[in-house]
Amino acid sequence: MTKVVKYLMIINAGLWLLTVLAGHFQNWVVYEEMALTPAKVFPGFHVWELFTYMWFHSLTDYYHILFNMLFLWMFGGTLEQSWGSRAFLKFYLICGTGAGLVVFVIGILFYPTVPTVGASGAIYGLVAAWAIAFPDRMVYLFGIFPIRGRYFALIPIGFAVLDFIVGGSGISHAAHLGGLAIGAIMVTGLWRPSRMRNRLRYLYLKRKLKVIDGEQYRRRKNPPGSGGYWN
């Protein structure tokens, strides 16, 4: 297990245990102040919640922290080895905070008083980055079935999209989908204006070349003067 992934898992697990213990004594102050509640961020100016929410998890649904830490271990280690610990941690925190901003914007419009906790935004950012960076890496599903990385990463992504469509689970879709989008944009570099401009230019030229090639093919196949009444 890589260094930053290990420390992230220890911090998340430790804070979860502390909040569970505090809950037994009916002490919810820290948990409530750290959770992301849009109405507290604005107009309440609890801006720290955009960052702190990702370090706390549901106190009643144990699968929440279990699956988040599982995906952190599965996807995070490879990215940290590839990028280095400092770059990996920066990416993780940006995805988590960025997903928090998405939750705030959506929440202030539709559910301003509903709190959100969990590292899912940061985790789904890692999933998106891993799928883009290592699309052909083989992973063994359940330790038995080989599957390429791009398809394996579609499993948690598919769950997020399916739950968004079905609804009713209490999961923050804004955090999941926001984290996915931010992770994908960051790892592809499309957040940079120059990279976005070059990408759009490339797509335009590629399309233009296809049109030119198609026209040249039609001319070779049907040259001027072929067919018709020219005798």
Foldseek 3Di string as FASTA:
>chain_A
DDDLLVVLLCQLVVVLVVCLVCVVVVRCVVVVLQWQFLVCVPPVVSLNNLQRQASYDDNPDPVQSVVLSVLCVVQVVVVCVVPPVVVSVVLLRCQSSQLSVQCNVVCVVPPRGDTHHHSLSSSLLSLLLSCVVFQADWDDDVNHRTDGSVVVSVVVVVVLVVCVVVDDPPHDSSSNVSSNVSSNCVNQVVVDPVSVVVVVVVVVVVVVVVVVVVVVVVCVVPPPPPDDPPD
